[in-house]
């Protein structure tokens, strides 16, 4: 849909259910990140081509997604069941996964992430 609520186009995604999604827009491309029904974190282009798919035993019941507008290519994922926050960075060939916050840091059943552009933090 466009800003006025008019239909623009349909993008096919793998699977039959998208639970959470986030967009990352650059001048040359837009990426769609989403969590599918089978707990995969996936990234596709606007034409539906898969860019990457990610799962990890340390990421249980992924929930919220957020992208960083100042450091493109970073995706942050809340692990609802694993009580952690993952930072995924895809460089075109591989995905680097870093757990940046854990249960010991106070993370408990996070379901949403949001980027605060004023102080470059996540809430």
N, C-alpha and C. Protein backbone atom coordinates (compact mmCIF):
# COMPACT_ATOMS: atom_id res chain seq x y z
N UNK A 1 0.83 -1.17 0.00
CA UNK A 1 0.00 0.00 0.00
C UNK A 1 0.88 1.24 0.00
N UNK A 2 0.37 2.28 -0.63
CA UNK A 2 1.07 3.55 -0.56
C UNK A 2 0.59 4.33 0.66
N UNK A 3 1.09 5.53 0.83
CA UNK A 3 0.76 6.34 2.00
C UNK A 3 -0.72 6.69 2.09
N UNK A 4 -1.43 6.64 0.97
CA UNK A 4 -2.85 6.94 0.95
C UNK A 4 -3.73 5.70 1.07
N UNK A 5 -3.10 4.52 1.30
CA UNK A 5 -3.86 3.30 1.47
C UNK A 5 -4.22 2.59 0.18
N UNK A 6 -3.65 3.03 -0.94
CA UNK A 6 -3.92 2.38 -2.22
C UNK A 6 -2.99 1.19 -2.42
N UNK A 7 -3.52 0.15 -3.02
CA UNK A 7 -2.76 -1.07 -3.31
C UNK A 7 -1.63 -0.76 -4.28
N UNK A 8 -0.42 -1.22 -3.96
CA UNK A 8 0.73 -1.04 -4.83
C UNK A 8 1.12 -2.34 -5.50
N UNK A 9 1.48 -3.34 -4.70
CA UNK A 9 1.89 -4.63 -5.25
C UNK A 9 1.88 -5.69 -4.14
N UNK A 10 2.03 -6.94 -4.55
CA UNK A 10 2.08 -8.06 -3.63
C UNK A 10 3.46 -8.70 -3.73
N UNK A 11 4.04 -9.04 -2.60
CA UNK A 11 5.34 -9.70 -2.57
C UNK A 11 5.13 -11.08 -1.96
N UNK A 12 5.51 -12.12 -2.69
CA UNK A 12 5.40 -13.48 -2.17
C UNK A 12 6.56 -13.76 -1.24
N UNK A 13 6.26 -14.37 -0.11
CA UNK A 13 7.29 -14.75 0.85
C UNK A 13 7.24 -16.25 1.07
N UNK A 14 8.39 -16.86 1.42
CA UNK A 14 8.40 -18.30 1.69
C UNK A 14 7.52 -18.63 2.90
N UNK A 15 6.88 -19.78 2.88
CA UNK A 15 6.05 -20.20 3.99
C UNK A 15 4.65 -19.62 3.89
N UNK A 16 3.89 -19.81 4.95
CA UNK A 16 2.50 -19.37 4.90
C UNK A 16 2.14 -18.37 5.99
N UNK A 17 3.12 -17.94 6.78
CA UNK A 17 2.80 -17.02 7.87
C UNK A 17 4.00 -16.14 8.20
N UNK A 18 3.80 -14.84 8.21
CA UNK A 18 4.83 -13.89 8.63
C UNK A 18 4.41 -13.36 9.98
N UNK A 19 5.26 -13.56 10.99
CA UNK A 19 4.90 -13.15 12.35
C UNK A 19 5.33 -11.73 12.67
N UNK A 20 6.52 -11.33 12.29
CA UNK A 20 7.05 -9.99 12.54
C UNK A 20 7.83 -9.57 11.31
N UNK A 21 7.87 -8.27 11.02
CA UNK A 21 8.69 -7.83 9.89
C UNK A 21 9.24 -6.43 10.11
N UNK A 22 10.29 -6.12 9.36
CA UNK A 22 10.93 -4.82 9.41
C UNK A 22 11.51 -4.53 8.03
N UNK A 23 11.57 -3.27 7.66
CA UNK A 23 12.12 -2.86 6.36
C UNK A 23 13.42 -2.11 6.54
N UNK A 24 14.32 -2.29 5.60
CA UNK A 24 15.55 -1.50 5.53
C UNK A 24 15.63 -0.93 4.12
N UNK A 25 15.66 0.38 4.01
CA UNK A 25 15.66 1.02 2.71
C UNK A 25 16.95 1.78 2.49
N UNK A 26 17.59 1.50 1.39
CA UNK A 26 18.76 2.25 0.92
C UNK A 26 18.38 2.85 -0.42
N UNK A 27 19.21 3.70 -0.94
CA UNK A 27 18.91 4.31 -2.24
C UNK A 27 18.69 3.26 -3.31
N UNK A 28 19.53 2.23 -3.34
CA UNK A 28 19.46 1.26 -4.43
C UNK A 28 18.58 0.05 -4.16
N UNK A 29 18.17 -0.17 -2.91
CA UNK A 29 17.37 -1.36 -2.63
C UNK A 29 16.61 -1.24 -1.31
N UNK A 30 15.58 -2.06 -1.21
CA UNK A 30 14.84 -2.21 0.04
C UNK A 30 14.86 -3.69 0.39
N UNK A 31 15.17 -3.98 1.65
CA UNK A 31 15.15 -5.35 2.14
C UNK A 31 14.00 -5.51 3.11
N UNK A 32 13.37 -6.66 3.07
CA UNK A 32 12.29 -7.00 3.99
C UNK A 32 12.81 -8.12 4.89
N UNK A 33 12.84 -7.87 6.18
CA UNK A 33 13.23 -8.88 7.16
C UNK A 33 11.96 -9.36 7.84
N UNK A 34 11.86 -10.66 8.06
CA UNK A 34 10.68 -11.17 8.76
C UNK A 34 11.00 -12.47 9.47
N UNK A 35 10.13 -12.80 10.42
CA UNK A 35 10.21 -14.07 11.12
C UNK A 35 9.05 -14.91 10.64
N UNK A 36 9.38 -16.08 10.13
CA UNK A 36 8.35 -16.96 9.60
C UNK A 36 7.80 -17.87 10.70
N UNK A 37 6.78 -18.61 10.35
CA UNK A 37 6.10 -19.48 11.30
C UNK A 37 7.04 -20.52 11.89
N UNK A 38 8.07 -20.92 11.15
CA UNK A 38 8.99 -21.94 11.63
C UNK A 38 10.20 -21.34 12.37
N UNK A 39 10.05 -20.10 12.86
CA UNK A 39 11.06 -19.42 13.67
C UNK A 39 12.35 -19.09 12.92
N UNK A 40 12.28 -19.01 11.61
CA UNK A 40 13.42 -18.57 10.82
C UNK A 40 13.38 -17.06 10.69
N UNK A 41 14.55 -16.44 10.80
CA UNK A 41 14.70 -15.03 10.46
C UNK A 41 15.09 -15.02 8.99
N UNK A 42 14.29 -14.34 8.18
CA UNK A 42 14.55 -14.34 6.74
C UNK A 42 14.63 -12.92 6.21
N UNK A 43 15.35 -12.78 5.10
CA UNK A 43 15.50 -11.50 4.43
C UNK A 43 15.25 -11.73 2.95
N UNK A 44 14.38 -10.89 2.37
CA UNK A 44 14.11 -10.98 0.94
C UNK A 44 14.18 -9.58 0.33
N UNK A 45 14.34 -9.56 -0.98
CA UNK A 45 14.32 -8.30 -1.72
C UNK A 45 12.86 -7.96 -2.05
N UNK A 46 12.65 -6.79 -2.60
CA UNK A 46 11.29 -6.35 -2.92
C UNK A 46 10.63 -7.21 -3.99
N UNK A 47 11.41 -7.97 -4.77
CA UNK A 47 10.80 -8.86 -5.76
C UNK A 47 10.58 -10.26 -5.21
N UNK A 48 10.88 -10.46 -3.91
CA UNK A 48 10.64 -11.75 -3.26
C UNK A 48 11.82 -12.70 -3.27
N UNK A 49 12.96 -12.30 -3.84
CA UNK A 49 14.14 -13.14 -3.88
C UNK A 49 14.76 -13.25 -2.49
N UNK A 50 15.01 -14.49 -2.06
CA UNK A 50 15.61 -14.68 -0.74
C UNK A 50 17.06 -14.21 -0.74
N UNK A 51 17.41 -13.39 0.25
CA UNK A 51 18.78 -12.92 0.42
C UNK A 51 19.49 -13.79 1.45
N UNK A 52 18.83 -14.06 2.58
CA UNK A 52 19.36 -15.03 3.54
C UNK A 52 18.25 -15.54 4.43
N UNK A 53 18.58 -16.64 5.11
CA UNK A 53 17.69 -17.27 6.08
C UNK A 53 18.57 -17.66 7.26
N UNK A 54 18.08 -17.46 8.48
CA UNK A 54 18.90 -17.70 9.66
C UNK A 54 18.11 -18.39 10.76
N UNK A 55 18.72 -19.41 11.35
CA UNK A 55 18.23 -20.03 12.58
C UNK A 55 19.44 -20.28 13.47
N UNK A 56 19.21 -20.39 14.76
CA UNK A 56 20.28 -20.68 15.71
C UNK A 56 19.67 -21.33 16.93
N UNK A 57 20.35 -22.33 17.50
CA UNK A 57 19.84 -22.93 18.74
C UNK A 57 19.81 -21.93 19.89
N UNK A 58 20.59 -20.84 19.80
CA UNK A 58 20.61 -19.82 20.83
C UNK A 58 19.56 -18.74 20.66
N UNK A 59 18.74 -18.86 19.61
CA UNK A 59 17.65 -17.92 19.36
C UNK A 59 16.34 -18.69 19.38
N UNK A 60 15.65 -18.62 20.51
CA UNK A 60 14.42 -19.39 20.70
C UNK A 60 13.23 -18.45 20.63
N UNK A 61 12.25 -18.81 19.83
CA UNK A 61 11.03 -18.01 19.63
C UNK A 61 11.35 -16.55 19.31
N UNK A 62 12.04 -16.31 18.18
CA UNK A 62 12.34 -14.92 17.82
C UNK A 62 11.07 -14.11 17.69
N UNK A 63 11.13 -12.87 18.16
CA UNK A 63 9.93 -12.04 18.16
C UNK A 63 10.21 -10.71 17.46
N UNK A 64 10.53 -9.67 18.18
CA UNK A 64 10.71 -8.36 17.58
C UNK A 64 11.92 -8.25 16.68
N UNK A 65 11.80 -7.39 15.67
CA UNK A 65 12.89 -7.09 14.74
C UNK A 65 13.07 -5.59 14.66
N UNK A 66 14.31 -5.15 14.52
CA UNK A 66 14.58 -3.73 14.29
C UNK A 66 15.84 -3.59 13.46
N UNK A 67 15.84 -2.62 12.55
CA UNK A 67 17.02 -2.32 11.76
C UNK A 67 17.60 -1.00 12.23
N UNK A 68 18.88 -0.81 11.96
CA UNK A 68 19.57 0.42 12.36
C UNK A 68 19.73 1.31 11.14
N UNK A 69 19.15 2.49 11.16
CA UNK A 69 19.22 3.36 10.00
C UNK A 69 20.58 4.04 9.84
N UNK A 70 21.41 4.01 10.88
CA UNK A 70 22.73 4.63 10.79
C UNK A 70 23.84 3.64 10.49
N UNK A 71 23.58 2.36 10.63
CA UNK A 71 24.55 1.32 10.32
C UNK A 71 23.82 0.24 9.54
N UNK A 72 23.59 0.51 8.27
CA UNK A 72 22.79 -0.38 7.45
C UNK A 72 23.40 -1.78 7.40
N UNK A 73 22.51 -2.75 7.35
CA UNK A 73 22.95 -4.14 7.32
C UNK A 73 22.87 -4.82 8.66
N UNK A 74 22.64 -4.06 9.72
CA UNK A 74 22.47 -4.65 11.05
C UNK A 74 21.00 -4.91 11.32
N UNK A 75 20.71 -6.10 11.76
CA UNK A 75 19.36 -6.47 12.14
C UNK A 75 19.42 -6.95 13.57
N UNK A 76 18.51 -6.45 14.40
CA UNK A 76 18.45 -6.86 15.79
C UNK A 76 17.18 -7.68 16.00
N UNK A 77 17.33 -8.82 16.68
CA UNK A 77 16.23 -9.77 16.85
C UNK A 77 16.09 -10.09 18.33
N UNK A 78 14.87 -9.98 18.84
CA UNK A 78 14.58 -10.33 20.22
C UNK A 78 14.28 -11.82 20.31
N UNK A 79 15.00 -12.51 21.17
CA UNK A 79 14.74 -13.92 21.43
C UNK A 79 13.78 -14.04 22.62
N UNK A 80 12.50 -14.15 22.34
CA UNK A 80 11.48 -14.21 23.39
C UNK A 80 11.73 -15.39 24.33
N UNK A 81 11.97 -16.56 23.77
CA UNK A 81 12.16 -17.76 24.57
C UNK A 81 13.57 -17.97 25.07
N UNK A 82 14.53 -17.29 24.46
CA UNK A 82 15.93 -17.44 24.87
C UNK A 82 16.41 -16.29 25.74
N UNK A 83 15.55 -15.30 25.99
CA UNK A 83 15.87 -14.18 26.86
C UNK A 83 17.14 -13.44 26.43
N UNK A 84 17.22 -13.12 25.11
CA UNK A 84 18.40 -12.42 24.63
C UNK A 84 18.07 -11.56 23.41
N UNK A 85 19.02 -10.73 23.02
CA UNK A 85 18.92 -9.90 21.82
C UNK A 85 20.11 -10.25 20.94
N UNK A 86 19.82 -10.58 19.69
CA UNK A 86 20.86 -10.94 18.72
C UNK A 86 21.07 -9.79 17.74
N UNK A 87 22.30 -9.58 17.35
CA UNK A 87 22.64 -8.67 16.27
C UNK A 87 23.12 -9.52 15.10
N UNK A 88 22.40 -9.42 13.98
CA UNK A 88 22.78 -10.14 12.77
C UNK A 88 23.33 -9.15 11.77
N UNK A 89 24.45 -9.48 11.17
CA UNK A 89 25.03 -8.64 10.13
C UNK A 89 25.35 -9.54 8.95
N UNK A 90 24.76 -9.24 7.81
CA UNK A 90 24.97 -10.02 6.60
C UNK A 90 25.86 -9.23 5.66
N UNK A 91 26.98 -9.83 5.26
CA UNK A 91 27.93 -9.12 4.41
C UNK A 91 27.86 -9.54 2.94
N UNK A 92 26.85 -10.30 2.58
CA UNK A 92 26.72 -10.76 1.20
C UNK A 92 27.10 -12.22 1.02
N UNK A 93 27.88 -12.75 1.97
CA UNK A 93 28.27 -14.15 1.88
C UNK A 93 27.95 -14.94 3.14
N UNK A 94 28.05 -14.29 4.31
CA UNK A 94 27.75 -15.00 5.55
C UNK A 94 27.07 -14.07 6.54
N UNK A 95 26.44 -14.69 7.54
CA UNK A 95 25.75 -13.94 8.58
C UNK A 95 26.60 -14.02 9.85
N UNK A 96 26.92 -12.85 10.40
CA UNK A 96 27.60 -12.81 11.69
C UNK A 96 26.54 -12.61 12.76
N UNK A 97 26.50 -13.52 13.73
CA UNK A 97 25.51 -13.49 14.81
C UNK A 97 26.23 -13.18 16.12
N UNK A 98 25.83 -12.09 16.78
CA UNK A 98 26.39 -11.71 18.07
C UNK A 98 25.25 -11.52 19.06
N UNK A 99 25.33 -12.18 20.19
CA UNK A 99 24.35 -11.94 21.26
C UNK A 99 24.83 -10.71 22.02
N UNK A 100 24.04 -9.63 21.95
CA UNK A 100 24.48 -8.37 22.56
C UNK A 100 23.90 -8.14 23.95
N UNK A 101 22.77 -8.76 24.25
CA UNK A 101 22.17 -8.67 25.59
C UNK A 101 21.62 -10.04 25.97
N UNK A 102 21.74 -10.37 27.26
CA UNK A 102 21.30 -11.67 27.76
C UNK A 102 20.37 -11.51 28.95
N UNK A 103 19.88 -12.63 29.44
CA UNK A 103 19.01 -12.64 30.61
C UNK A 103 19.71 -11.94 31.80
N UNK A 104 21.01 -12.16 31.93
CA UNK A 104 21.77 -11.55 33.02
C UNK A 104 21.78 -10.02 32.92
N UNK A 105 21.55 -9.49 31.71
CA UNK A 105 21.49 -8.04 31.50
C UNK A 105 20.08 -7.49 31.72
N UNK A 106 19.14 -8.36 32.05
CA UNK A 106 17.77 -7.92 32.31
C UNK A 106 16.79 -8.20 31.18
N UNK A 107 17.21 -8.93 30.15
CA UNK A 107 16.31 -9.24 29.03
C UNK A 107 15.41 -10.39 29.44
N UNK A 108 14.08 -10.14 29.37
CA UNK A 108 13.10 -11.17 29.72
C UNK A 108 11.94 -11.12 28.75
N UNK A 109 11.78 -12.17 27.98
CA UNK A 109 10.63 -12.34 27.08
C UNK A 109 10.35 -11.10 26.22
N UNK A 110 11.36 -10.59 25.57
CA UNK A 110 11.20 -9.42 24.70
C UNK A 110 10.38 -9.79 23.47
N UNK A 111 9.40 -8.95 23.14
CA UNK A 111 8.56 -9.18 21.97
C UNK A 111 8.68 -8.07 20.94
N UNK A 112 9.33 -6.98 21.29
CA UNK A 112 9.41 -5.86 20.35
C UNK A 112 10.72 -5.12 20.55
N UNK A 113 11.23 -4.58 19.46
CA UNK A 113 12.41 -3.73 19.48
C UNK A 113 12.11 -2.50 18.66
N UNK A 114 12.69 -1.39 19.04
CA UNK A 114 12.51 -0.15 18.28
C UNK A 114 13.80 0.65 18.35
N UNK A 115 14.13 1.31 17.27
CA UNK A 115 15.36 2.10 17.20
C UNK A 115 15.07 3.54 17.57
N UNK A 116 15.85 4.10 18.51
CA UNK A 116 15.73 5.49 18.90
C UNK A 116 16.82 6.28 18.18
N UNK A 117 16.45 7.03 17.15
CA UNK A 117 17.43 7.72 16.32
C UNK A 117 18.12 8.88 17.05
N UNK A 118 17.53 9.40 18.12
CA UNK A 118 18.10 10.53 18.82
C UNK A 118 19.39 10.18 19.57
N UNK A 119 19.40 9.02 20.21
CA UNK A 119 20.63 8.65 20.93
C UNK A 119 21.20 7.31 20.45
N UNK A 120 20.76 6.86 19.29
CA UNK A 120 21.27 5.65 18.64
C UNK A 120 21.15 4.42 19.53
N UNK A 121 20.02 4.29 20.23
CA UNK A 121 19.81 3.17 21.11
C UNK A 121 18.58 2.39 20.69
N UNK A 122 18.44 1.21 21.26
CA UNK A 122 17.27 0.38 21.04
C UNK A 122 16.46 0.32 22.30
N UNK A 123 15.15 0.33 22.15
CA UNK A 123 14.26 0.25 23.31
C UNK A 123 13.30 -0.90 23.10
